[in-house]
Amino acid sequence: MPEYKVLKDGKEYTTPDIEILKRWLKERKIRASDQVYHPVLQKWLYVKDMAELEEEIKKLSPGETSAGWNALGCIWEGVALAVAIIGFIVMAFHKITGVTILIIALLIFIYGATMARRRTKK
């Protein structure tokens, strides 16, 4: 009997049928960004790309269907962009202050990306 294989956090798990995959998705044991070997198609797919799991995927919150980036990440990205623009404007008048502001923008972007990634892993 063909088995589905799930690749999650570097480990491989097997299950004999799609119903168990559906249950794991509902229980948040697997994420939309995890990979599954489809025995019928004989190829690896992301959970979010499996037609058999489409209904369960729709029931998840929007942040849970992304592969690590969500609305929170977009907000932080916008803040970092705004600070970077200010940094470039200030740089025209005072180079050191402008560069300092650009570094702050980069740190904001990194922090936002990290927080968004952590939020989607919950």
PDB file of N, CA and C in Angstrom:
ATOM      1  N   MET A   1       0.840  -1.188   0.000  1.00  0.00           N
ATOM      2  CA  MET A   1       0.000   0.000   0.000  1.00  0.00           C
ATOM      3  C   MET A   1       0.885   1.251   0.000  1.00  0.00           C
ATOM      4  N   PRO A   2       0.654   2.182  -0.907  1.00  0.00           N
ATOM      5  CA  PRO A   2       1.489   3.383  -0.961  1.00  0.00           C
ATOM      6  C   PRO A   2       1.267   4.265   0.269  1.00  0.00           C
ATOM      7  N   GLU A   3       2.323   4.897   0.717  1.00  0.00           N
ATOM      8  CA  GLU A   3       2.251   5.747   1.899  1.00  0.00           C
ATOM      9  C   GLU A   3       2.622   7.182   1.560  1.00  0.00           C
ATOM     10  N   TYR A   4       1.987   8.108   2.260  1.00  0.00           N
ATOM     11  CA  TYR A   4       2.384   9.510   2.182  1.00  0.00           C
ATOM     12  C   TYR A   4       3.560   9.697   3.124  1.00  0.00           C
ATOM     13  N   LYS A   5       4.513  10.490   2.709  1.00  0.00           N
ATOM     14  CA  LYS A   5       5.657  10.806   3.553  1.00  0.00           C
ATOM     15  C   LYS A   5       5.643  12.304   3.809  1.00  0.00           C
ATOM     16  N   VAL A   6       5.823  12.687   5.062  1.00  0.00           N
ATOM     17  CA  VAL A   6       5.835  14.097   5.436  1.00  0.00           C
ATOM     18  C   VAL A   6       7.245  14.467   5.870  1.00  0.00           C
ATOM     19  N   LEU A   7       7.766  15.521   5.282  1.00  0.00           N
ATOM     20  CA  LEU A   7       9.079  16.038   5.669  1.00  0.00           C
ATOM     21  C   LEU A   7       8.838  17.274   6.520  1.00  0.00           C
ATOM     22  N   LYS A   8       9.148  17.155   7.808  1.00  0.00           N
ATOM     23  CA  LYS A   8       8.893  18.239   8.759  1.00  0.00           C
ATOM     24  C   LYS A   8      10.096  18.420   9.661  1.00  0.00           C
ATOM     25  N   ASP A   9      10.643  19.625   9.636  1.00  0.00           N
ATOM     26  CA  ASP A   9      11.795  19.963  10.474  1.00  0.00           C
ATOM     27  C   ASP A   9      12.943  18.964  10.319  1.00  0.00           C
ATOM     28  N   GLY A  10      13.175  18.539   9.086  1.00  0.00           N
ATOM     29  CA  GLY A  10      14.290  17.649   8.790  1.00  0.00           C
ATOM     30  C   GLY A  10      14.025  16.174   9.079  1.00  0.00           C
ATOM     31  N   LYS A  11      12.841  15.836   9.565  1.00  0.00           N
ATOM     32  CA  LYS A  11      12.497  14.444   9.858  1.00  0.00           C
ATOM     33  C   LYS A  11      11.405  13.980   8.905  1.00  0.00           C
ATOM     34  N   GLU A  12      11.403  12.687   8.629  1.00  0.00           N
ATOM     35  CA  GLU A  12      10.415  12.117   7.719  1.00  0.00           C
ATOM     36  C   GLU A  12       9.443  11.235   8.491  1.00  0.00           C
ATOM     37  N   TYR A  13       8.149  11.473   8.275  1.00  0.00           N
ATOM     38  CA  TYR A  13       7.088  10.697   8.910  1.00  0.00           C
ATOM     39  C   TYR A  13       6.234  10.075   7.808  1.00  0.00           C
ATOM     40  N   THR A  14       5.672   8.898   8.066  1.00  0.00           N
ATOM     41  CA  THR A  14       4.832   8.244   7.068  1.00  0.00           C
ATOM     42  C   THR A  14       3.424   8.054   7.600  1.00  0.00           C
ATOM     43  N   THR A  15       2.472   8.034   6.682  1.00  0.00           N
ATOM     44  CA  THR A  15       1.077   7.771   7.008  1.00  0.00           C
ATOM     45  C   THR A  15       0.444   7.045   5.818  1.00  0.00           C
ATOM     46  N   PRO A  16      -0.415   6.086   6.083  1.00  0.00           N
ATOM     47  CA  PRO A  16      -0.976   5.295   4.987  1.00  0.00           C
ATOM     48  C   PRO A  16      -2.072   5.989   4.186  1.00  0.00           C
ATOM     49  N   ASP A  17      -2.722   7.009   4.762  1.00  0.00           N
ATOM     50  CA  ASP A  17      -3.819   7.616   4.003  1.00  0.00           C
ATOM     51  C   ASP A  17      -3.936   9.119   4.229  1.00  0.00           C
ATOM     52  N   ILE A  18      -4.744   9.718   3.390  1.00  0.00           N
ATOM     53  CA  ILE A  18      -4.921  11.173   3.389  1.00  0.00           C
ATOM     54  C   ILE A  18      -5.697  11.649   4.612  1.00  0.00           C
ATOM     55  N   GLU A  19      -6.537  10.804   5.172  1.00  0.00           N
ATOM     56  CA  GLU A  19      -7.335  11.200   6.343  1.00  0.00           C
ATOM     57  C   GLU A  19      -6.444  11.553   7.536  1.00  0.00           C
ATOM     58  N   ILE A  20      -5.371  10.815   7.694  1.00  0.00           N
ATOM     59  CA  ILE A  20      -4.444  11.126   8.787  1.00  0.00           C
ATOM     60  C   ILE A  20      -3.753  12.461   8.519  1.00  0.00           C
ATOM     61  N   LEU A  21      -3.400  12.730   7.277  1.00  0.00           N
ATOM     62  CA  LEU A  21      -2.812  14.033   6.932  1.00  0.00           C
ATOM     63  C   LEU A  21      -3.792  15.161   7.240  1.00  0.00           C
ATOM     64  N   LYS A  22      -5.067  14.947   6.931  1.00  0.00           N
ATOM     65  CA  LYS A  22      -6.080  15.960   7.231  1.00  0.00           C
ATOM     66  C   LYS A  22      -6.163  16.216   8.731  1.00  0.00           C
ATOM     67  N   ARG A  23      -6.135  15.134   9.502  1.00  0.00           N
ATOM     68  CA  ARG A  23      -6.195  15.269  10.963  1.00  0.00           C
ATOM     69  C   ARG A  23      -4.967  16.002  11.484  1.00  0.00           C
ATOM     70  N   TRP A  24      -3.776  15.651  10.977  1.00  0.00           N
ATOM     71  CA  TRP A  24      -2.549  16.324  11.407  1.00  0.00           C
ATOM     72  C   TRP A  24      -2.597  17.812  11.093  1.00  0.00           C
ATOM     73  N   LEU A  25      -3.179  18.157   9.959  1.00  0.00           N
ATOM     74  CA  LEU A  25      -3.291  19.561   9.579  1.00  0.00           C
ATOM     75  C   LEU A  25      -4.240  20.291  10.533  1.00  0.00           C
ATOM     76  N   LYS A  26      -5.366  19.680  10.842  1.00  0.00           N
ATOM     77  CA  LYS A  26      -6.317  20.279  11.789  1.00  0.00           C
ATOM     78  C   LYS A  26      -5.697  20.448  13.172  1.00  0.00           C
ATOM     79  N   GLU A  27      -4.901  19.466  13.576  1.00  0.00           N
ATOM     80  CA  GLU A  27      -4.260  19.494  14.892  1.00  0.00           C
ATOM     81  C   GLU A  27      -2.984  20.340  14.907  1.00  0.00           C
ATOM     82  N   ARG A  28      -2.651  20.919  13.758  1.00  0.00           N
ATOM     83  CA  ARG A  28      -1.461  21.777  13.598  1.00  0.00           C
ATOM     84  C   ARG A  28      -0.150  20.999  13.782  1.00  0.00           C
ATOM     85  N   LYS A  29      -0.201  19.691  13.540  1.00  0.00           N
ATOM     86  CA  LYS A  29       1.021  18.883  13.600  1.00  0.00           C
ATOM     87  C   LYS A  29       1.853  19.067  12.336  1.00  0.00           C
ATOM     88  N   ILE A  30       1.176  19.427  11.247  1.00  0.00           N
ATOM     89  CA  ILE A  30       1.880  19.786  10.015  1.00  0.00           C
ATOM     90  C   ILE A  30       1.387  21.166   9.589  1.00  0.00           C
ATOM     91  N   ARG A  31       2.240  21.859   8.843  1.00  0.00           N
ATOM     92  CA  ARG A  31       1.902  23.205   8.358  1.00  0.00           C
ATOM     93  C   ARG A  31       1.756  23.178   6.844  1.00  0.00           C
ATOM     94  N   ALA A  32       1.144  24.226   6.327  1.00  0.00           N
ATOM     95  CA  ALA A  32       0.974  24.345   4.878  1.00  0.00           C
ATOM     96  C   ALA A  32       2.315  24.389   4.160  1.00  0.00           C
ATOM     97  N   SER A  33       3.359  24.809   4.864  1.00  0.00           N
ATOM     98  CA  SER A  33       4.680  24.928   4.252  1.00  0.00           C
ATOM     99  C   SER A  33       5.516  23.647   4.346  1.00  0.00           C
ATOM    100  N   ASP A  34       4.995  22.607   5.001  1.00  0.00           N
ATOM    101  CA  ASP A  34       5.710  21.335   5.059  1.00  0.00           C
ATOM    102  C   ASP A  34       5.562  20.603   3.732  1.00  0.00           C
ATOM    103  N   GLN A  35       6.469  19.670   3.474  1.00  0.00           N
ATOM    104  CA  GLN A  35       6.420  18.916   2.222  1.00  0.00           C
ATOM    105  C   GLN A  35       5.890  17.514   2.452  1.00  0.00           C
ATOM    106  N   VAL A  36       5.151  17.021   1.446  1.00  0.00           N
ATOM    107  CA  VAL A  36       4.566  15.682   1.498  1.00  0.00           C
ATOM    108  C   VAL A  36       4.890  14.968   0.198  1.00  0.00           C
ATOM    109  N   TYR A  37       5.327  13.716   0.326  1.00  0.00           N
ATOM    110  CA  TYR A  37       5.508  12.882  -0.864  1.00  0.00           C
ATOM    111  C   TYR A  37       4.162  12.253  -1.185  1.00  0.00           C
ATOM    112  N   HIS A  38       3.661  12.548  -2.372  1.00  0.00           N
ATOM    113  CA  HIS A  38       2.362  12.040  -2.813  1.00  0.00           C
ATOM    114  C   HIS A  38       2.592  10.717  -3.543  1.00  0.00           C
ATOM    115  N   PRO A  39       2.108   9.593  -2.993  1.00  0.00           N
ATOM    116  CA  PRO A  39       2.407   8.282  -3.597  1.00  0.00           C
ATOM    117  C   PRO A  39       1.772   8.065  -4.971  1.00  0.00           C
ATOM    118  N   VAL A  40       0.644   8.692  -5.218  1.00  0.00           N
ATOM    119  CA  VAL A  40      -0.009   8.526  -6.521  1.00  0.00           C
ATOM    120  C   VAL A  40       0.716   9.349  -7.582  1.00  0.00           C
ATOM    121  N   LEU A  41       1.020  10.602  -7.253  1.00  0.00           N
ATOM    122  CA  LEU A  41       1.723  11.479  -8.196  1.00  0.00           C
ATOM    123  C   LEU A  41       3.227  11.181  -8.249  1.00  0.00           C
ATOM    124  N   GLN A  42       3.697  10.489  -7.244  1.00  0.00           N
ATOM    125  CA  GLN A  42       5.113  10.118  -7.104  1.00  0.00           C
ATOM    126  C   GLN A  42       6.037  11.334  -7.173  1.00  0.00           C
ATOM    127  N   LYS A  43       5.665  12.355  -6.374  1.00  0.00           N
ATOM    128  CA  LYS A  43       6.524  13.530  -6.266  1.00  0.00           C
ATOM    129  C   LYS A  43       6.235  14.253  -4.960  1.00  0.00           C
ATOM    130  N   TRP A  44       7.203  15.098  -4.563  1.00  0.00           N
ATOM    131  CA  TRP A  44       7.076  15.889  -3.349  1.00  0.00           C
ATOM    132  C   TRP A  44       6.289  17.156  -3.653  1.00  0.00           C
ATOM    133  N   LEU A  45       5.348  17.486  -2.768  1.00  0.00           N
ATOM    134  CA  LEU A  45       4.530  18.697  -2.883  1.00  0.00           C
ATOM    135  C   LEU A  45       4.504  19.402  -1.531  1.00  0.00           C
ATOM    136  N   TYR A  46       4.239  20.701  -1.557  1.00  0.00           N
ATOM    137  CA  TYR A  46       3.951  21.396  -0.308  1.00  0.00           C
ATOM    138  C   TYR A  46       2.527  21.041   0.096  1.00  0.00           C
ATOM    139  N   VAL A  47       2.283  20.963   1.385  1.00  0.00           N
ATOM    140  CA  VAL A  47       0.942  20.646   1.881  1.00  0.00           C
ATOM    141  C   VAL A  47      -0.081  21.599   1.264  1.00  0.00           C
ATOM    142  N   LYS A  48       0.280  22.883   1.172  1.00  0.00           N
ATOM    143  CA  LYS A  48      -0.665  23.882   0.635  1.00  0.00           C
ATOM    144  C   LYS A  48      -1.012  23.643  -0.835  1.00  0.00           C
ATOM    145  N   ASP A  49      -0.222  22.848  -1.548  1.00  0.00           N
ATOM    146  CA  ASP A  49      -0.462  22.585  -2.966  1.00  0.00           C
ATOM    147  C   ASP A  49      -1.194  21.270  -3.229  1.00  0.00           C
ATOM    148  N   MET A  50      -1.580  20.573  -2.185  1.00  0.00           N
ATOM    149  CA  MET A  50      -2.257  19.288  -2.354  1.00  0.00           C
ATOM    150  C   MET A  50      -3.767  19.497  -2.469  1.00  0.00           C
ATOM    151  N   ALA A  51      -4.331  19.083  -3.583  1.00  0.00           N
ATOM    152  CA  ALA A  51      -5.761  19.255  -3.824  1.00  0.00           C
ATOM    153  C   ALA A  51      -6.605  18.553  -2.754  1.00  0.00           C
ATOM    154  N   GLU A  52      -6.126  17.405  -2.277  1.00  0.00           N
ATOM    155  CA  GLU A  52      -6.867  16.633  -1.280  1.00  0.00           C
ATOM    156  C   GLU A  52      -7.001  17.371   0.048  1.00  0.00           C
ATOM    157  N   LEU A  53      -6.122  18.320   0.295  1.00  0.00           N
ATOM    158  CA  LEU A  53      -6.128  19.046   1.569  1.00  0.00           C
ATOM    159  C   LEU A  53      -6.651  20.477   1.425  1.00  0.00           C
ATOM    160  N   GLU A  54      -7.187  20.782   0.262  1.00  0.00           N
ATOM    161  CA  GLU A  54      -7.621  22.151  -0.028  1.00  0.00           C
ATOM    162  C   GLU A  54      -8.638  22.685   0.985  1.00  0.00           C
ATOM    163  N   GLU A  55      -9.624  21.870   1.350  1.00  0.00           N
ATOM    164  CA  GLU A  55     -10.655  22.316   2.293  1.00  0.00           C
ATOM    165  C   GLU A  55     -10.071  22.603   3.673  1.00  0.00           C
ATOM    166  N   GLU A  56      -9.172  21.760   4.126  1.00  0.00           N
ATOM    167  CA  GLU A  56      -8.554  21.968   5.433  1.00  0.00           C
ATOM    168  C   GLU A  56      -7.666  23.210   5.433  1.00  0.00           C
ATOM    169  N   ILE A  57      -6.984  23.448   4.329  1.00  0.00           N
ATOM    170  CA  ILE A  57      -6.120  24.625   4.194  1.00  0.00           C
ATOM    171  C   ILE A  57      -6.963  25.899   4.293  1.00  0.00           C
ATOM    172  N   LYS A  58      -8.134  25.896   3.675  1.00  0.00           N
ATOM    173  CA  LYS A  58      -9.009  27.072   3.709  1.00  0.00           C
ATOM    174  C   LYS A  58      -9.454  27.408   5.129  1.00  0.00           C
ATOM    175  N   LYS A  59      -9.534  26.410   5.987  1.00  0.00           N
ATOM    176  CA  LYS A  59      -9.985  26.617   7.363  1.00  0.00           C
ATOM    177  C   LYS A  59      -8.897  27.235   8.246  1.00  0.00           C
ATOM    178  N   LEU A  60      -7.649  27.180   7.798  1.00  0.00           N
ATOM    179  CA  LEU A  60      -6.564  27.752   8.579  1.00  0.00           C
ATOM    180  C   LEU A  60      -6.589  29.266   8.481  1.00  0.00           C
ATOM    181  N   SER A  61      -6.016  29.936   9.485  1.00  0.00           N
ATOM    182  CA  SER A  61      -5.920  31.395   9.414  1.00  0.00           C
ATOM    183  C   SER A  61      -4.906  31.765   8.336  1.00  0.00           C
ATOM    184  N   PRO A  62      -5.012  32.969   7.750  1.00  0.00           N
ATOM    185  CA  PRO A  62      -4.119  33.362   6.654  1.00  0.00           C
ATOM    186  C   PRO A  62      -2.631  33.229   6.974  1.00  0.00           C
ATOM    187  N   GLY A  63      -2.221  33.548   8.187  1.00  0.00           N
ATOM    188  CA  GLY A  63      -0.811  33.456   8.553  1.00  0.00           C
ATOM    189  C   GLY A  63      -0.280  32.039   8.560  1.00  0.00           C
ATOM    190  N   GLU A  64      -1.168  31.070   8.766  1.00  0.00           N
ATOM    191  CA  GLU A  64      -0.741  29.678   8.828  1.00  0.00           C
ATOM    192  C   GLU A  64      -0.545  29.058   7.456  1.00  0.00           C
ATOM    193  N   THR A  65      -1.020  29.700   6.408  1.00  0.00           N
ATOM    194  CA  THR A  65      -0.871  29.135   5.078  1.00  0.00           C
ATOM    195  C   THR A  65       0.387  29.623   4.381  1.00  0.00           C
ATOM    196  N   SER A  66       1.016  30.631   4.920  1.00  0.00           N
ATOM    197  CA  SER A  66       2.235  31.148   4.290  1.00  0.00           C
ATOM    198  C   SER A  66       3.434  30.333   4.715  1.00  0.00           C
ATOM    199  N   ALA A  67       4.532  30.508   3.999  1.00  0.00           N
ATOM    200  CA  ALA A  67       5.741  29.774   4.308  1.00  0.00           C
ATOM    201  C   ALA A  67       6.679  30.612   5.141  1.00  0.00           C
ATOM    202  N   GLY A  68       6.170  31.344   6.097  1.00  0.00           N
ATOM    203  CA  GLY A  68       7.026  32.086   6.981  1.00  0.00           C
ATOM    204  C   GLY A  68       6.875  33.579   6.929  1.00  0.00           C
ATOM    205  N   TRP A  69       5.999  34.069   6.120  1.00  0.00           N
ATOM    206  CA  TRP A  69       5.818  35.516   6.028  1.00  0.00           C
ATOM    207  C   TRP A  69       4.333  35.780   6.074  1.00  0.00           C
ATOM    208  N   ASN A  70       3.899  36.766   6.827  1.00  0.00           N
ATOM    209  CA  ASN A  70       2.482  37.063   6.944  1.00  0.00           C
ATOM    210  C   ASN A  70       2.253  38.559   7.000  1.00  0.00           C
ATOM    211  N   ALA A  71       1.061  38.959   7.390  1.00  0.00           N
ATOM    212  CA  ALA A  71       0.718  40.383   7.428  1.00  0.00           C
ATOM    213  C   ALA A  71       1.628  41.148   8.380  1.00  0.00           C
ATOM    214  N   LEU A  72       1.980  40.537   9.497  1.00  0.00           N
ATOM    215  CA  LEU A  72       2.882  41.199  10.440  1.00  0.00           C
ATOM    216  C   LEU A  72       4.216  41.503   9.781  1.00  0.00           C
ATOM    217  N   GLY A  73       4.715  40.575   9.000  1.00  0.00           N
ATOM    218  CA  GLY A  73       5.971  40.793   8.291  1.00  0.00           C
ATOM    219  C   GLY A  73       5.862  41.937   7.304  1.00  0.00           C
ATOM    220  N   CYS A  74       4.726  42.043   6.642  1.00  0.00           N
ATOM    221  CA  CYS A  74       4.524  43.133   5.674  1.00  0.00           C
ATOM    222  C   CYS A  74       4.494  44.484   6.370  1.00  0.00           C
ATOM    223  N   ILE A  75       3.910  44.542   7.555  1.00  0.00           N
ATOM    224  CA  ILE A  75       3.888  45.800   8.310  1.00  0.00           C
ATOM    225  C   ILE A  75       5.309  46.218   8.669  1.00  0.00           C
ATOM    226  N   TRP A  76       6.095  45.275   9.203  1.00  0.00           N
ATOM    227  CA  TRP A  76       7.481  45.586   9.558  1.00  0.00           C
ATOM    228  C   TRP A  76       8.286  45.976   8.326  1.00  0.00           C
ATOM    229  N   GLU A  77       8.013  45.324   7.206  1.00  0.00           N
ATOM    230  CA  GLU A  77       8.714  45.658   5.967  1.00  0.00           C
ATOM    231  C   GLU A  77       8.401  47.104   5.557  1.00  0.00           C
ATOM    232  N   GLY A  78       7.149  47.509   5.715  1.00  0.00           N
ATOM    233  CA  GLY A  78       6.755  48.879   5.406  1.00  0.00           C
ATOM    234  C   GLY A  78       7.423  49.895   6.313  1.00  0.00           C
ATOM    235  N   VAL A  79       7.487  49.585   7.600  1.00  0.00           N
ATOM    236  CA  VAL A  79       8.153  50.480   8.552  1.00  0.00           C
ATOM    237  C   VAL A  79       9.632  50.616   8.195  1.00  0.00           C
ATOM    238  N   ALA A  80      10.276  49.498   7.891  1.00  0.00           N
ATOM    239  CA  ALA A  80      11.701  49.533   7.531  1.00  0.00           C
ATOM    240  C   ALA A  80      11.917  50.356   6.263  1.00  0.00           C
ATOM    241  N   LEU A  81      11.026  50.224   5.296  1.00  0.00           N
ATOM    242  CA  LEU A  81      11.149  50.994   4.057  1.00  0.00           C
ATOM    243  C   LEU A  81      11.007  52.491   4.329  1.00  0.00           C
ATOM    244  N   ALA A  82      10.042  52.861   5.163  1.00  0.00           N
ATOM    245  CA  ALA A  82       9.842  54.272   5.500  1.00  0.00           C
ATOM    246  C   ALA A  82      11.079  54.851   6.192  1.00  0.00           C
ATOM    247  N   VAL A  83      11.640  54.095   7.121  1.00  0.00           N
ATOM    248  CA  VAL A  83      12.843  54.557   7.825  1.00  0.00           C
ATOM    249  C   VAL A  83      14.013  54.663   6.850  1.00  0.00           C
ATOM    250  N   ALA A  84      14.116  53.719   5.919  1.00  0.00           N
ATOM    251  CA  ALA A  84      15.194  53.776   4.923  1.00  0.00           C
ATOM    252  C   ALA A  84      15.075  55.009   4.040  1.00  0.00           C
ATOM    253  N   ILE A  85      13.863  55.348   3.640  1.00  0.00           N
ATOM    254  CA  ILE A  85      13.655  56.546   2.821  1.00  0.00           C
ATOM    255  C   ILE A  85      14.084  57.793   3.596  1.00  0.00           C
ATOM    256  N   ILE A  86      13.693  57.843   4.862  1.00  0.00           N
ATOM    257  CA  ILE A  86      14.121  58.969   5.704  1.00  0.00           C
ATOM    258  C   ILE A  86      15.642  59.009   5.783  1.00  0.00           C
ATOM    259  N   GLY A  87      16.267  57.835   5.913  1.00  0.00           N
ATOM    260  CA  GLY A  87      17.729  57.761   5.974  1.00  0.00           C
ATOM    261  C   GLY A  87      18.389  58.323   4.730  1.00  0.00           C
ATOM    262  N   PHE A  88      17.837  57.996   3.558  1.00  0.00           N
ATOM    263  CA  PHE A  88      18.402  58.528   2.309  1.00  0.00           C
ATOM    264  C   PHE A  88      18.239  60.044   2.209  1.00  0.00           C
ATOM    265  N   ILE A  89      17.108  60.543   2.656  1.00  0.00           N
ATOM    266  CA  ILE A  89      16.888  61.994   2.630  1.00  0.00           C
ATOM    267  C   ILE A  89      17.863  62.702   3.564  1.00  0.00           C
ATOM    268  N   VAL A  90      17.999  62.164   4.779  1.00  0.00           N
ATOM    269  CA  VAL A  90      18.910  62.767   5.755  1.00  0.00           C
ATOM    270  C   VAL A  90      20.356  62.680   5.260  1.00  0.00           C
ATOM    271  N   MET A  91      20.689  61.599   4.555  1.00  0.00           N
ATOM    272  CA  MET A  91      22.056  61.409   4.077  1.00  0.00           C
ATOM    273  C   MET A  91      22.501  62.542   3.145  1.00  0.00           C
ATOM    274  N   ALA A  92      21.549  63.132   2.451  1.00  0.00           N
ATOM    275  CA  ALA A  92      21.882  64.247   1.557  1.00  0.00           C
ATOM    276  C   ALA A  92      22.436  65.440   2.335  1.00  0.00           C
ATOM    277  N   PHE A  93      22.039  65.544   3.597  1.00  0.00           N
ATOM    278  CA  PHE A  93      22.480  66.674   4.410  1.00  0.00           C
ATOM    279  C   PHE A  93      23.567  66.314   5.414  1.00  0.00           C
ATOM    280  N   HIS A  94      23.481  65.112   5.944  1.00  0.00           N
ATOM    281  CA  HIS A  94      24.446  64.695   6.962  1.00  0.00           C
ATOM    282  C   HIS A  94      24.700  63.193   6.801  1.00  0.00           C
ATOM    283  N   LYS A  95      25.829  62.866   6.198  1.00  0.00           N
ATOM    284  CA  LYS A  95      26.126  61.490   5.794  1.00  0.00           C
ATOM    285  C   LYS A  95      26.093  60.495   6.958  1.00  0.00           C
ATOM    286  N   ILE A  96      26.763  60.792   8.047  1.00  0.00           N
ATOM    287  CA  ILE A  96      26.868  59.837   9.163  1.00  0.00           C
ATOM    288  C   ILE A  96      25.488  59.559   9.766  1.00  0.00           C
ATOM    289  N   THR A  97      24.694  60.584   9.956  1.00  0.00           N
ATOM    290  CA  THR A  97      23.354  60.389  10.507  1.00  0.00           C
ATOM    291  C   THR A  97      22.498  59.571   9.543  1.00  0.00           C
ATOM    292  N   GLY A  98      22.604  59.849   8.243  1.00  0.00           N
ATOM    293  CA  GLY A  98      21.850  59.099   7.248  1.00  0.00           C
ATOM    294  C   GLY A  98      22.202  57.626   7.239  1.00  0.00           C
ATOM    295  N   VAL A  99      23.479  57.327   7.320  1.00  0.00           N
ATOM    296  CA  VAL A  99      23.927  55.924   7.356  1.00  0.00           C
ATOM    297  C   VAL A  99      23.424  55.250   8.628  1.00  0.00           C
ATOM    298  N   THR A 100      23.465  55.962   9.731  1.00  0.00           N
ATOM    299  CA  THR A 100      22.965  55.405  10.997  1.00  0.00           C
ATOM    300  C   THR A 100      21.481  55.056  10.871  1.00  0.00           C
ATOM    301  N   ILE A 101      20.710  55.926  10.256  1.00  0.00           N
ATOM    302  CA  ILE A 101      19.278  55.666  10.073  1.00  0.00           C
ATOM    303  C   ILE A 101      19.065  54.466   9.148  1.00  0.00           C
ATOM    304  N   LEU A 102      19.893  54.326   8.113  1.00  0.00           N
ATOM    305  CA  LEU A 102      19.779  53.165   7.221  1.00  0.00           C
ATOM    306  C   LEU A 102      20.077  51.863   7.965  1.00  0.00           C
ATOM    307  N   ILE A 103      21.049  51.901   8.847  1.00  0.00           N
ATOM    308  CA  ILE A 103      21.362  50.712   9.658  1.00  0.00           C
ATOM    309  C   ILE A 103      20.182  50.375  10.557  1.00  0.00           C
ATOM    310  N   ILE A 104      19.554  51.395  11.135  1.00  0.00           N
ATOM    311  CA  ILE A 104      18.364  51.167  11.967  1.00  0.00           C
ATOM    312  C   ILE A 104      17.248  50.548  11.127  1.00  0.00           C
ATOM    313  N   ALA A 105      17.084  51.028   9.887  1.00  0.00           N
ATOM    314  CA  ALA A 105      16.066  50.457   9.002  1.00  0.00           C
ATOM    315  C   ALA A 105      16.330  48.974   8.747  1.00  0.00           C
ATOM    316  N   LEU A 106      17.580  48.623   8.534  1.00  0.00           N
ATOM    317  CA  LEU A 106      17.936  47.220   8.317  1.00  0.00           C
ATOM    318  C   LEU A 106      17.619  46.378   9.551  1.00  0.00           C
ATOM    319  N   LEU A 107      17.938  46.902  10.716  1.00  0.00           N
ATOM    320  CA  LEU A 107      17.648  46.175  11.963  1.00  0.00           C
ATOM    321  C   LEU A 107      16.140  46.002  12.163  1.00  0.00           C
ATOM    322  N   ILE A 108      15.370  47.031  11.822  1.00  0.00           N
ATOM    323  CA  ILE A 108      13.906  46.927  11.916  1.00  0.00           C
ATOM    324  C   ILE A 108      13.405  45.824  10.987  1.00  0.00           C
ATOM    325  N   PHE A 109      13.926  45.789   9.775  1.00  0.00           N
ATOM    326  CA  PHE A 109      13.512  44.767   8.816  1.00  0.00           C
ATOM    327  C   PHE A 109      13.852  43.364   9.336  1.00  0.00           C
ATOM    328  N   ILE A 110      15.047  43.175   9.847  1.00  0.00           N
ATOM    329  CA  ILE A 110      15.458  41.867  10.373  1.00  0.00           C
ATOM    330  C   ILE A 110      14.589  41.468  11.559  1.00  0.00           C
ATOM    331  N   TYR A 111      14.345  42.415  12.461  1.00  0.00           N
ATOM    332  CA  TYR A 111      13.503  42.131  13.624  1.00  0.00           C
ATOM    333  C   TYR A 111      12.095  41.734  13.172  1.00  0.00           C
ATOM    334  N   GLY A 112      11.525  42.494  12.248  1.00  0.00           N
ATOM    335  CA  GLY A 112      10.186  42.196  11.760  1.00  0.00           C
ATOM    336  C   GLY A 112      10.106  40.836  11.095  1.00  0.00           C
ATOM    337  N   ALA A 113      11.102  40.505  10.288  1.00  0.00           N
ATOM    338  CA  ALA A 113      11.118  39.198   9.627  1.00  0.00           C
ATOM    339  C   ALA A 113      11.201  38.071  10.656  1.00  0.00           C
ATOM    340  N   THR A 114      12.000  38.272  11.677  1.00  0.00           N
ATOM    341  CA  THR A 114      12.144  37.263  12.729  1.00  0.00           C
ATOM    342  C   THR A 114      10.837  37.082  13.487  1.00  0.00           C
ATOM    343  N   MET A 115      10.190  38.185  13.850  1.00  0.00           N
ATOM    344  CA  MET A 115       8.937  38.093  14.595  1.00  0.00           C
ATOM    345  C   MET A 115       7.834  37.460  13.753  1.00  0.00           C
ATOM    346  N   ALA A 116       7.767  37.813  12.487  1.00  0.00           N
ATOM    347  CA  ALA A 116       6.752  37.228  11.599  1.00  0.00           C
ATOM    348  C   ALA A 116       6.974  35.734  11.451  1.00  0.00           C
ATOM    349  N   ARG A 117       8.221  35.332  11.328  1.00  0.00           N
ATOM    350  CA  ARG A 117       8.555  33.904  11.179  1.00  0.00           C
ATOM    351  C   ARG A 117       8.174  33.140  12.444  1.00  0.00           C
ATOM    352  N   ARG A 118       8.483  33.704  13.614  1.00  0.00           N
ATOM    353  CA  ARG A 118       8.118  33.043  14.873  1.00  0.00           C
ATOM    354  C   ARG A 118       6.620  32.906  15.002  1.00  0.00           C
ATOM    355  N   ARG A 119       5.896  33.922  14.577  1.00  0.00           N
ATOM    356  CA  ARG A 119       4.441  33.910  14.708  1.00  0.00           C
ATOM    357  C   ARG A 119       3.828  32.808  13.854  1.00  0.00           C
ATOM    358  N   THR A 120       4.378  32.565  12.683  1.00  0.00           N
ATOM    359  CA  THR A 120       3.813  31.535  11.815  1.00  0.00           C
ATOM    360  C   THR A 120       4.174  30.135  12.264  1.00  0.00           C
ATOM    361  N   LYS A 121       5.177  29.999  13.124  1.00  0.00           N
ATOM    362  CA  LYS A 121       5.574  28.667  13.611  1.00  0.00           C
ATOM    363  C   LYS A 121       4.707  28.193  14.762  1.00  0.00           C
ATOM    364  N   LYS A 122       3.953  29.080  15.379  1.00  0.00           N
ATOM    365  CA  LYS A 122       3.130  28.694  16.531  1.00  0.00           C
ATOM    366  C   LYS A 122       2.031  27.760  16.138  1.00  0.00           C
TER     367      LYS A 122
END
